[in-house]
Amino acid sequence: MITPVIMAGGSGTRLWPLSRAGHPKQFLSLNGDKTMLQQTAERLSDLPTTEAITICNEEHRFFVAEQLREIDALGKIILEPVGRNTAPAIALAALAEKENDPLLLILAADHVIADQMAFSDAVMKAVPLAEAGKLVTFGILPTEPHTGYGYIETSASIADAYEVSSFKEKPDADMAAQYVADGSYYWNSGMFLFKASTVLTQLKAYRADIYDACERAFSIVSSDLDFIRIDREAFAACPNDSIDYAVMERTKDAVVVPLDAGWNDIGSWSSIWDLVEKDDAGNVAFGDAILIDTKNSLVRTDDKLLALLGLDNVVVVSTKDAVLVANKDHVQDARMIASQLKKEGRSEWAHHREVYRPWGKYDSVDHGDRYQVKRITVKPGGKLSVQMHHHRAEHWVVVSGSAKVTIGDKTFLLAENESTYIPVGEVHALENAAQLPLEIIEIQTGSYLGEDDIVRLEDRYGRATKRPVVDNY
């Protein structure tokens, strides 16, 4: 059997301002109704697989659990306390399945594959090779001399695959053209198939430091709700390296199975423009947009009318708190904007104005010197942590639904158009015990309104308690 391993880390900063560190592209719906993570999980339906293992950053754990639960594909979720690239992540999955020793199908959670049948066929062709001890990577048949991908050079054929001669870094335009003209090069997809024991043996041979660190980290495992937690200190000491550098470029057992299935890694806004059907002027528009005398452009707006006039080859993306305007040929550099925002300590690199939590979401509608207004939506059964604030008071007004409110030693219900007041320093909690979403307006007032003025006392989602927190509610 095949055990899928879905790699759901990464920040997707080249798709800023829609993709951000706190809500990256794999958890967004970019080319359909489902998120990219959900599409990846559903892509496995034609294959003989066991339940999947998803590996993600600790801060994204509730995105993963909720989105996989929505499509009945929860499986195992291993939390990385810190990011350490693909070699340690794959080592964790292999150690988790060491006893059963299945074939591990390594997939990224942020790829698009248009032809699912071709994908499944390629995986099944790779199975006998992986069972024979080969480390199989899937090479994408190039459609153009792309400079944004690494390349795999092939040599002799072996069954339905080719031996790997070498891996090439992302080339310049001239070298990419030579690779494509040569005919023996494939794009490096970052997808693999191998036995758990094979990759562990090879990792131990070539990067024993990574193997040892991961083994130590996995020797102390605990379960937390839907999640598998490893030892933080041991994993933090693990070297940072990709599976390509750690193993694939060193082993003599690497083979590549060609894959021609409409693959795209959605690496930038121009990738989305390439994927989506365009109008007669070559434009792609998402949301409320008017395009006049404009061509070959992509527009996306979440909350306001966008009007473009007399433009060519541009990307305009508007979210509630930021707007990107770029030449389509330069959108790969959107990550530079995210880096600059991070350097300046601005929140827009990491979070949207609308922030998701395991209980629902909140939207920071307005703020001033001594006040802040938020719209809070609590899903059925959701409950914000029991908490208190040292510097701010709060007013809650129920817009729709029914709220179960605790303030001090009193618990009571609030219906639509009813409100309550939480004084500074009072312990309080908000819960939706009804069957419909609860929406309230929260008005904060006080001398300090920072999110680190939250002391979480109790939390049903296992988040840190009894100390100031910075992850809101």
Foldseek 3Di string as FASTA:
>chain_A
DEAEEEEEEDQLLLAPPVTFNLRHQLLDDQPDDAGLLLVVQVLCPVDPYDQYEYEYEPSCVLSLQVRCVVVVRRGAYEYAPDDFAALLVLLLVLVVCVVVFHKYKYHYSQKDFQASVLVRVLVVQCVVLQVVLFKEFAFELDPALDQPFKKWAFDDDDRQWTFTPAIGHRDPSVVSRVQNVVPRMGTGRLIIIHTSVSSLVQLCVQPVQSNVLSVQQQVDWDDAVRHIYTRNVSSVPHHRDYCCVRGVRPDRRYIYRYGHGRMDSCSHVVSSLVVDDAPPQSEAEADAEAEECEHVEYEYEDDDYYYHYNYYQWYWYYDPPDIDIGRNVCSSCSSVVLVVCVVVVHCSNHDDQWHADSQGIKHFDDDDQFKTKIKDKGAAFGKDFFKAFQWKKKKKAWQAAKKFKDWAPDTDIDHHRDMDIHDHGITMMIGHNDNGMTIIMMMMGGNDDAQQRIAGDGDPNPDDHRHRDRPHD
